Amino acid sequence: MNILLILCIVVIWLLSIFTFAKWRSHSKAQNGSISVSVIHDNATNSFVMVTAAIVLVSILFLI
């Protein structure tokens, strides 16, 4: 049961990363400054680090 819950958390985390990157590229396109790679953007990197810390803490609580 815990493994299924952990996998669900990881899948939701990965989907949120791609959703955030898509939102960043859409907002940059509206502002006129289109970046080639939004995945390597500073805001996206910060988002990934913060959410990774939250995911790791929640997985540690489940174990």
C-alpha atoms as a PDB file:
ATOM      1  CA  MET A   1       0.000   0.000   0.000  1.00  0.00           C
ATOM      2  CA  ASN A   2       2.804   2.406   0.883  1.00  0.00           C
ATOM      3  CA  ILE A   3       4.663   1.659  -2.345  1.00  0.00           C
ATOM      4  CA  LEU A   4       1.556   2.435  -4.384  1.00  0.00           C
ATOM      5  CA  LEU A   5       1.105   5.699  -2.519  1.00  0.00           C
ATOM      6  CA  ILE A   6       4.774   6.617  -3.018  1.00  0.00           C
ATOM      7  CA  LEU A   7       4.518   5.899  -6.754  1.00  0.00           C
ATOM      8  CA  CYS A   8       1.394   8.032  -6.972  1.00  0.00           C
ATOM      9  CA  ILE A   9       3.180  10.920  -5.240  1.00  0.00           C
ATOM     10  CA  VAL A  10       6.156  10.644  -7.612  1.00  0.00           C
ATOM     11  CA  VAL A  11       3.922  10.571 -10.714  1.00  0.00           C
ATOM     12  CA  ILE A  12       1.988  13.619  -9.537  1.00  0.00           C
ATOM     13  CA  TRP A  13       5.294  15.372  -8.814  1.00  0.00           C
ATOM     14  CA  LEU A  14       6.618  14.664 -12.320  1.00  0.00           C
ATOM     15  CA  LEU A  15       3.385  15.857 -13.910  1.00  0.00           C
ATOM     16  CA  SER A  16       3.522  19.049 -11.866  1.00  0.00           C
ATOM     17  CA  ILE A  17       7.062  19.751 -13.110  1.00  0.00           C
ATOM     18  CA  PHE A  18       6.007  19.476 -16.737  1.00  0.00           C
ATOM     19  CA  THR A  19       2.870  21.520 -16.099  1.00  0.00           C
ATOM     20  CA  PHE A  20       4.928  24.261 -14.451  1.00  0.00           C
ATOM     21  CA  ALA A  21       7.405  24.258 -17.356  1.00  0.00           C
ATOM     22  CA  LYS A  22       4.545  24.491 -19.856  1.00  0.00           C
ATOM     23  CA  TRP A  23       3.031  27.388 -17.922  1.00  0.00           C
ATOM     24  CA  ARG A  24       6.427  29.159 -17.838  1.00  0.00           C
ATOM     25  CA  SER A  25       6.874  28.775 -21.597  1.00  0.00           C
ATOM     26  CA  HIS A  26       3.340  30.034 -22.206  1.00  0.00           C
ATOM     27  CA  SER A  27       3.834  33.079 -19.978  1.00  0.00           C
ATOM     28  CA  LYS A  28       7.217  33.845 -21.568  1.00  0.00           C
ATOM     29  CA  ALA A  29       5.671  33.583 -25.033  1.00  0.00           C
ATOM     30  CA  GLN A  30       2.995  36.090 -24.040  1.00  0.00           C
ATOM     31  CA  ASN A  31       5.647  38.491 -22.742  1.00  0.00           C
ATOM     32  CA  GLY A  32       7.616  38.203 -25.960  1.00  0.00           C
ATOM     33  CA  SER A  33      10.718  36.612 -24.480  1.00  0.00           C
ATOM     34  CA  ILE A  34      10.659  33.057 -25.693  1.00  0.00           C
ATOM     35  CA  SER A  35      13.267  30.858 -24.052  1.00  0.00           C
ATOM     36  CA  VAL A  36      14.606  27.849 -25.902  1.00  0.00           C
ATOM     37  CA  SER A  37      14.556  25.605 -22.854  1.00  0.00           C
ATOM     38  CA  VAL A  38      12.221  26.312 -19.977  1.00  0.00           C
ATOM     39  CA  ILE A  39      13.317  23.166 -18.141  1.00  0.00           C
ATOM     40  CA  HIS A  40      16.712  24.792 -17.431  1.00  0.00           C
ATOM     41  CA  ASP A  41      15.172  28.060 -16.245  1.00  0.00           C
ATOM     42  CA  ASN A  42      16.041  29.345 -12.742  1.00  0.00           C
ATOM     43  CA  ALA A  43      12.403  29.468 -11.634  1.00  0.00           C
ATOM     44  CA  THR A  44      11.793  25.927 -12.849  1.00  0.00           C
ATOM     45  CA  ASN A  45      14.931  24.678 -11.099  1.00  0.00           C
ATOM     46  CA  SER A  46      13.780  26.313  -7.864  1.00  0.00           C
ATOM     47  CA  PHE A  47      10.337  24.757  -8.264  1.00  0.00           C
ATOM     48  CA  VAL A  48      11.873  21.320  -8.775  1.00  0.00           C
ATOM     49  CA  MET A  49      14.153  21.639  -5.728  1.00  0.00           C
ATOM     50  CA  VAL A  50      11.411  22.828  -3.376  1.00  0.00           C
ATOM     51  CA  THR A  51       8.885  20.244  -4.501  1.00  0.00           C
ATOM     52  CA  ALA A  52      11.551  17.504  -4.374  1.00  0.00           C
ATOM     53  CA  ALA A  53      12.201  18.361  -0.745  1.00  0.00           C
ATOM     54  CA  ILE A  54       8.470  18.186  -0.004  1.00  0.00           C
ATOM     55  CA  VAL A  55       8.159  14.852  -1.821  1.00  0.00           C
ATOM     56  CA  LEU A  56      11.132  13.387   0.040  1.00  0.00           C
ATOM     57  CA  VAL A  57       9.771  14.461   3.403  1.00  0.00           C
ATOM     58  CA  SER A  58       6.354  12.981   2.611  1.00  0.00           C
ATOM     59  CA  ILE A  59       7.969   9.708   1.474  1.00  0.00           C
ATOM     60  CA  LEU A  60      10.001   9.560   4.688  1.00  0.00           C
ATOM     61  CA  PHE A  61       6.803   9.943   6.702  1.00  0.00           C
ATOM     62  CA  LEU A  62       5.245   7.064   4.765  1.00  0.00           C
ATOM     63  CA  ILE A  63       8.147   4.712   5.428  1.00  0.00           C
END
